[in-house]
Amino acid sequence: MCLALSLVLTGVARWLLARLRITLEFPVLTYPSLAALFSFAFWFALFR
């Protein structure tokens, strides 16, 4: 559940960054890091 939500939020963040025309230097590192951050945040919030 947490992983699925984090992947969806990472996709939304990618879409938002593209919409705002913000370029990233290292997208290979940024998007997996965002997915991990969202996943850990959901896990911490939902499964305390």
C-alpha atoms as a PDB file:
ATOM      1  CA  MET A   1       0.000   0.000   0.000  1.00  0.00           C
ATOM      2  CA  CYS A   2       2.722   2.469   0.977  1.00  0.00           C
ATOM      3  CA  LEU A   3       4.811   1.637  -2.072  1.00  0.00           C
ATOM      4  CA  ALA A   4       1.874   2.044  -4.451  1.00  0.00           C
ATOM      5  CA  LEU A   5       0.959   5.415  -2.951  1.00  0.00           C
ATOM      6  CA  SER A   6       4.550   6.568  -3.063  1.00  0.00           C
ATOM      7  CA  LEU A   7       4.866   5.643  -6.743  1.00  0.00           C
ATOM      8  CA  VAL A   8       1.701   7.562  -7.532  1.00  0.00           C
ATOM      9  CA  LEU A   9       2.943  10.610  -5.628  1.00  0.00           C
ATOM     10  CA  THR A  10       6.314  10.381  -7.364  1.00  0.00           C
ATOM     11  CA  GLY A  11       4.506  10.393 -10.704  1.00  0.00           C
ATOM     12  CA  VAL A  12       2.502  13.434  -9.614  1.00  0.00           C
ATOM     13  CA  ALA A  13       5.698  15.183  -8.501  1.00  0.00           C
ATOM     14  CA  ARG A  14       7.321  14.398 -11.857  1.00  0.00           C
ATOM     15  CA  TRP A  15       4.291  15.751 -13.714  1.00  0.00           C
ATOM     16  CA  LEU A  16       4.289  18.884 -11.554  1.00  0.00           C
ATOM     17  CA  LEU A  17       7.986  19.499 -12.121  1.00  0.00           C
ATOM     18  CA  ALA A  18       7.545  19.029 -15.867  1.00  0.00           C
ATOM     19  CA  ARG A  19       4.532  21.337 -15.851  1.00  0.00           C
ATOM     20  CA  LEU A  20       6.520  24.032 -14.034  1.00  0.00           C
ATOM     21  CA  ARG A  21       9.446  23.403 -16.444  1.00  0.00           C
ATOM     22  CA  ILE A  22      11.881  22.659 -13.650  1.00  0.00           C
ATOM     23  CA  THR A  23      14.773  20.539 -14.855  1.00  0.00           C
ATOM     24  CA  LEU A  24      16.673  18.208 -12.581  1.00  0.00           C
ATOM     25  CA  GLU A  25      20.384  17.532 -12.815  1.00  0.00           C
ATOM     26  CA  PHE A  26      20.172  13.893 -11.739  1.00  0.00           C
ATOM     27  CA  PRO A  27      16.652  12.521 -12.321  1.00  0.00           C
ATOM     28  CA  VAL A  28      18.005   8.978 -11.967  1.00  0.00           C
ATOM     29  CA  LEU A  29      18.746   9.758  -8.325  1.00  0.00           C
ATOM     30  CA  THR A  30      15.924  12.188  -7.647  1.00  0.00           C
ATOM     31  CA  TYR A  31      12.876  10.103  -8.529  1.00  0.00           C
ATOM     32  CA  PRO A  32      13.856   6.937  -6.626  1.00  0.00           C
ATOM     33  CA  SER A  33      14.762   9.124  -3.668  1.00  0.00           C
ATOM     34  CA  LEU A  34      11.363  10.804  -3.821  1.00  0.00           C
ATOM     35  CA  ALA A  35       9.656   7.409  -3.999  1.00  0.00           C
ATOM     36  CA  ALA A  36      11.618   6.230  -0.950  1.00  0.00           C
ATOM     37  CA  LEU A  37      10.836   9.423   0.948  1.00  0.00           C
ATOM     38  CA  PHE A  38       7.114   9.167   0.227  1.00  0.00           C
ATOM     39  CA  SER A  39       7.107   5.463   1.065  1.00  0.00           C
ATOM     40  CA  PHE A  40       8.816   5.995   4.423  1.00  0.00           C
ATOM     41  CA  ALA A  41       6.522   8.912   5.214  1.00  0.00           C
ATOM     42  CA  PHE A  42       3.396   6.863   4.487  1.00  0.00           C
ATOM     43  CA  TRP A  43       4.747   3.926   6.451  1.00  0.00           C
ATOM     44  CA  PHE A  44       5.505   6.155   9.420  1.00  0.00           C
ATOM     45  CA  ALA A  45       2.123   7.904   9.261  1.00  0.00           C
ATOM     46  CA  LEU A  46      -0.067   4.858   8.691  1.00  0.00           C
ATOM     47  CA  PHE A  47       1.684   2.043  10.572  1.00  0.00           C
ATOM     48  CA  ARG A  48       2.851   3.550  13.849  1.00  0.00           C
END
